[in-house]
Amino acid sequence: MVYLLVFLAAVFTGLAVWSGRVQTAVRRQEMEDYKVLRADLIQTKKEVITLLGQMEQVSVKIVEEIEAKVEEARQYEVRSRKDDHDIPNNEISEKFDTDRSEDPNVTGEDAKKAKPVNSKLTGNNTIVFPRRHDTTGIEPASGTGSPGQELTAKHQMVYALAQLGFSGEEIARQMNIGKGEVMLMLQLKRKGEEVNA
């Protein structure tokens, strides 16, 4: 019986010693793992700090490049404005006169009086003629009026529209005058042509 108790005590003592050694080994391994992890964290922190420094340098460089481009654009704009203001007035007027003189048919007063003719039909079939008293290009009807007496612009416009094939009613509507007046003008023109024929 005594031997059994001694044996059991030896077994328990061995188990306790072995368990203590195992726990010590586990703790030692945990400490080593902790040291490795701590070293990794320190290294990662250093790398992050390095990256932040590099990013800051890059951002500063980018900002400097942008500022340089902006300054270059501003100086170019200033130079352009200065060049525009440096053109002499006589040079501008010479260029303007050269441009005007390229058209041999438009000179002096003719250039001021000239207006574009828009003879297109509008939505309500109204012909738009230039508002001017210069009626050159429309020949007066023969036999109308006394010699040396020029036709009025209204008469010439009526005759021109009649030559284009417009009826008396259409001419009256286009020129905003009475149909009877248009018909009278056309009849007088025909009679004058018959007399001179």
Protein backbone atom coordinates (compact mmCIF):
# COMPACT_ATOMS: atom_id res chain seq x y z
CA MET A 1 0.00 0.00 0.00
CA VAL A 2 2.84 2.35 0.87
CA TYR A 3 4.50 1.56 -2.43
CA LEU A 4 1.35 2.42 -4.30
CA LEU A 5 1.11 5.81 -2.62
CA VAL A 6 4.78 6.51 -3.36
CA PHE A 7 4.24 5.54 -7.00
CA LEU A 8 1.19 7.78 -7.34
CA ALA A 9 3.06 10.67 -5.74
CA ALA A 10 5.94 10.18 -8.19
CA VAL A 11 3.52 10.11 -11.12
CA PHE A 12 1.77 13.31 -10.01
CA THR A 13 5.10 15.00 -9.42
CA GLY A 14 6.29 14.02 -12.91
CA LEU A 15 3.04 15.26 -14.45
CA ALA A 16 3.37 18.56 -12.60
CA VAL A 17 6.98 19.00 -13.72
CA TRP A 18 6.10 18.08 -17.30
CA SER A 19 3.07 20.40 -17.33
CA GLY A 20 5.20 23.24 -15.99
CA ARG A 21 7.78 22.70 -18.68
CA VAL A 22 5.09 22.62 -21.39
CA GLN A 23 3.54 25.83 -20.10
CA THR A 24 6.97 27.45 -19.97
CA ALA A 25 7.66 26.40 -23.55
CA VAL A 26 4.27 27.75 -24.66
CA ARG A 27 4.88 31.02 -22.88
CA ARG A 28 8.32 31.26 -24.41
CA GLN A 29 6.85 30.65 -27.88
CA GLU A 30 4.15 33.25 -27.26
CA MET A 31 6.79 35.77 -26.16
CA GLU A 32 8.83 35.09 -29.28
CA ASP A 33 5.73 35.46 -31.47
CA TYR A 34 4.90 38.71 -29.69
CA LYS A 35 8.43 40.01 -30.28
CA VAL A 36 8.21 39.11 -33.99
CA LEU A 37 4.80 40.77 -34.28
CA ARG A 38 6.07 43.87 -32.49
CA ALA A 39 9.08 44.03 -34.82
CA ASP A 40 6.74 43.69 -37.82
CA LEU A 41 4.54 46.50 -36.51
CA ILE A 42 7.57 48.74 -35.99
CA GLN A 43 8.79 47.99 -39.53
CA THR A 44 5.33 48.63 -40.97
CA LYS A 45 5.16 51.93 -39.10
CA LYS A 46 8.52 52.95 -40.53
CA GLU A 47 7.37 52.04 -44.06
CA VAL A 48 4.14 54.01 -43.61
CA ILE A 49 6.10 57.04 -42.41
CA THR A 50 8.43 56.70 -45.42
CA LEU A 51 5.47 56.43 -47.82
CA LEU A 52 3.81 59.47 -46.25
CA GLY A 53 7.02 61.43 -46.69
CA GLN A 54 7.29 60.39 -50.34
CA MET A 55 3.63 61.26 -50.94
CA GLU A 56 4.18 64.67 -49.38
CA GLN A 57 7.19 65.27 -51.63
CA VAL A 58 5.24 64.18 -54.71
CA SER A 59 2.26 66.37 -53.78
CA VAL A 60 4.55 69.36 -53.22
CA LYS A 61 6.18 68.72 -56.59
CA ILE A 62 2.78 68.47 -58.31
CA VAL A 63 1.61 71.70 -56.67
CA GLU A 64 4.80 73.45 -57.79
CA GLU A 65 4.33 72.19 -61.37
CA ILE A 66 0.71 73.36 -61.40
CA GLU A 67 1.71 76.77 -60.06
CA ALA A 68 4.43 77.00 -62.72
CA LYS A 69 1.92 76.16 -65.48
CA VAL A 70 -0.56 78.71 -64.14
CA GLU A 71 2.14 81.37 -63.99
CA GLU A 72 3.26 80.50 -67.52
CA ALA A 73 -0.32 80.79 -68.80
CA ARG A 74 -0.76 84.11 -66.99
CA GLN A 75 2.46 85.49 -68.50
CA TYR A 76 1.38 84.29 -71.96
CA GLU A 77 -1.95 86.06 -71.55
CA VAL A 78 -0.21 89.25 -70.42
CA ARG A 79 2.15 89.07 -73.43
CA SER A 80 -0.79 88.49 -75.78
CA ARG A 81 -2.65 91.50 -74.42
CA LYS A 82 0.51 93.59 -74.62
CA ASP A 83 1.05 92.50 -78.24
CA ASP A 84 -2.56 93.42 -79.06
CA HIS A 85 -2.12 96.89 -77.57
CA ASP A 86 1.23 97.38 -79.33
CA ILE A 87 -0.32 97.21 -82.84
CA PRO A 88 -0.27 100.77 -84.24
CA ASN A 89 -3.61 102.30 -85.18
CA ASN A 90 -2.45 103.11 -88.71
CA GLU A 91 -1.56 99.42 -89.23
CA ILE A 92 -5.09 98.41 -88.24
CA SER A 93 -6.64 101.05 -90.52
CA GLU A 94 -4.38 99.96 -93.40
CA LYS A 95 -5.52 96.37 -92.95
CA PHE A 96 -9.15 97.51 -92.88
CA ASP A 97 -8.67 99.59 -96.03
CA THR A 98 -6.94 96.66 -97.74
CA ASP A 99 -9.83 94.34 -96.89
CA ARG A 100 -12.34 96.86 -98.24
CA SER A 101 -10.36 97.49 -101.40
CA GLU A 102 -10.32 93.77 -102.28
CA ASP A 103 -13.85 94.14 -103.68
CA PRO A 104 -13.51 96.33 -106.80
CA ASN A 105 -17.26 97.01 -106.96
CA VAL A 106 -17.56 98.49 -103.44
CA THR A 107 -15.80 101.78 -102.81
CA GLY A 108 -16.41 104.85 -100.69
CA GLU A 109 -20.07 105.81 -100.46
CA ASP A 110 -21.15 102.60 -102.22
CA ALA A 111 -19.80 100.56 -99.31
CA LYS A 112 -21.91 102.57 -96.87
CA LYS A 113 -25.08 102.39 -98.97
CA ALA A 114 -24.80 98.74 -99.96
CA LYS A 115 -27.32 96.47 -98.30
CA PRO A 116 -27.87 92.75 -98.89
CA VAL A 117 -30.93 91.81 -100.93
CA ASN A 118 -33.00 89.01 -99.46
CA SER A 119 -35.41 87.91 -102.15
CA LYS A 120 -36.33 84.60 -100.52
CA LEU A 121 -39.97 83.87 -99.85
CA THR A 122 -40.95 83.92 -96.20
CA GLY A 123 -43.55 81.71 -94.53
CA ASN A 124 -46.47 83.78 -95.88
CA ASN A 125 -44.90 84.04 -99.38
CA THR A 126 -43.81 87.65 -98.79
CA ILE A 127 -40.79 88.84 -100.74
CA VAL A 128 -38.41 90.89 -98.64
CA PHE A 129 -36.68 93.62 -100.64
CA PRO A 130 -34.07 96.03 -99.28
CA ARG A 131 -35.40 99.32 -97.94
CA ARG A 132 -33.55 101.75 -100.16
CA HIS A 133 -34.34 104.26 -102.85
CA ASP A 134 -31.57 103.06 -105.12
CA THR A 135 -33.56 101.23 -107.80
CA THR A 136 -30.82 100.69 -110.34
CA GLY A 137 -31.11 97.37 -112.10
CA ILE A 138 -34.88 97.70 -112.69
CA GLU A 139 -35.55 99.16 -116.06
CA PRO A 140 -38.43 101.65 -116.24
CA ALA A 141 -41.39 100.63 -118.32
CA SER A 142 -41.34 102.09 -121.76
CA GLY A 143 -44.04 104.58 -122.56
CA THR A 144 -44.97 105.44 -119.02
CA GLY A 145 -44.60 108.96 -117.77
CA SER A 146 -43.20 111.89 -119.61
CA PRO A 147 -39.65 111.88 -120.98
CA GLY A 148 -37.10 112.62 -118.29
CA GLN A 149 -39.58 111.73 -115.56
CA GLU A 150 -38.36 108.80 -113.48
CA LEU A 151 -40.71 106.15 -112.15
CA THR A 152 -41.29 105.98 -108.44
CA ALA A 153 -39.90 103.06 -106.48
CA LYS A 154 -43.43 101.73 -106.00
CA HIS A 155 -44.08 101.65 -109.76
CA GLN A 156 -40.77 99.97 -110.44
CA MET A 157 -41.42 97.36 -107.74
CA VAL A 158 -44.88 96.58 -109.17
CA TYR A 159 -43.42 96.18 -112.68
CA ALA A 160 -40.59 94.00 -111.37
CA LEU A 161 -43.00 91.69 -109.53
CA ALA A 162 -45.20 91.49 -112.62
CA GLN A 163 -42.15 90.48 -114.69
CA LEU A 164 -41.45 87.73 -112.11
CA GLY A 165 -44.90 86.30 -112.82
CA PHE A 166 -46.87 87.51 -109.79
CA SER A 167 -50.57 88.23 -110.28
CA GLY A 168 -52.09 91.60 -109.45
CA GLU A 169 -53.59 90.24 -106.24
CA GLU A 170 -50.26 88.77 -105.12
CA ILE A 171 -48.45 92.02 -105.90
CA ALA A 172 -51.02 94.00 -103.91
CA ARG A 173 -50.59 91.68 -100.95
CA GLN A 174 -46.78 91.76 -101.18
CA MET A 175 -46.58 95.55 -101.33
CA ASN A 176 -49.51 96.20 -99.01
CA ILE A 177 -51.38 98.40 -101.50
CA GLY A 178 -54.79 98.17 -103.13
CA LYS A 179 -55.42 95.65 -105.88
CA GLY A 180 -57.10 98.35 -108.00
CA GLU A 181 -54.02 100.53 -107.80
CA VAL A 182 -51.82 97.64 -108.94
CA MET A 183 -54.14 96.82 -111.82
CA LEU A 184 -54.19 100.50 -112.87
CA MET A 185 -50.38 100.65 -112.90
CA LEU A 186 -50.15 97.48 -115.00
CA GLN A 187 -52.83 98.72 -117.44
CA LEU A 188 -51.04 102.05 -117.88
CA LYS A 189 -47.82 100.20 -118.54
CA ARG A 190 -49.45 97.98 -121.16
CA LYS A 191 -51.04 101.00 -122.86
CA GLY A 192 -47.71 102.79 -122.93
CA GLU A 193 -46.07 99.73 -124.49
CA GLU A 194 -48.85 99.53 -127.10
CA VAL A 195 -48.45 103.21 -127.97
CA ASN A 196 -44.68 102.86 -128.37
CA ALA A 197 -44.91 99.56 -130.24
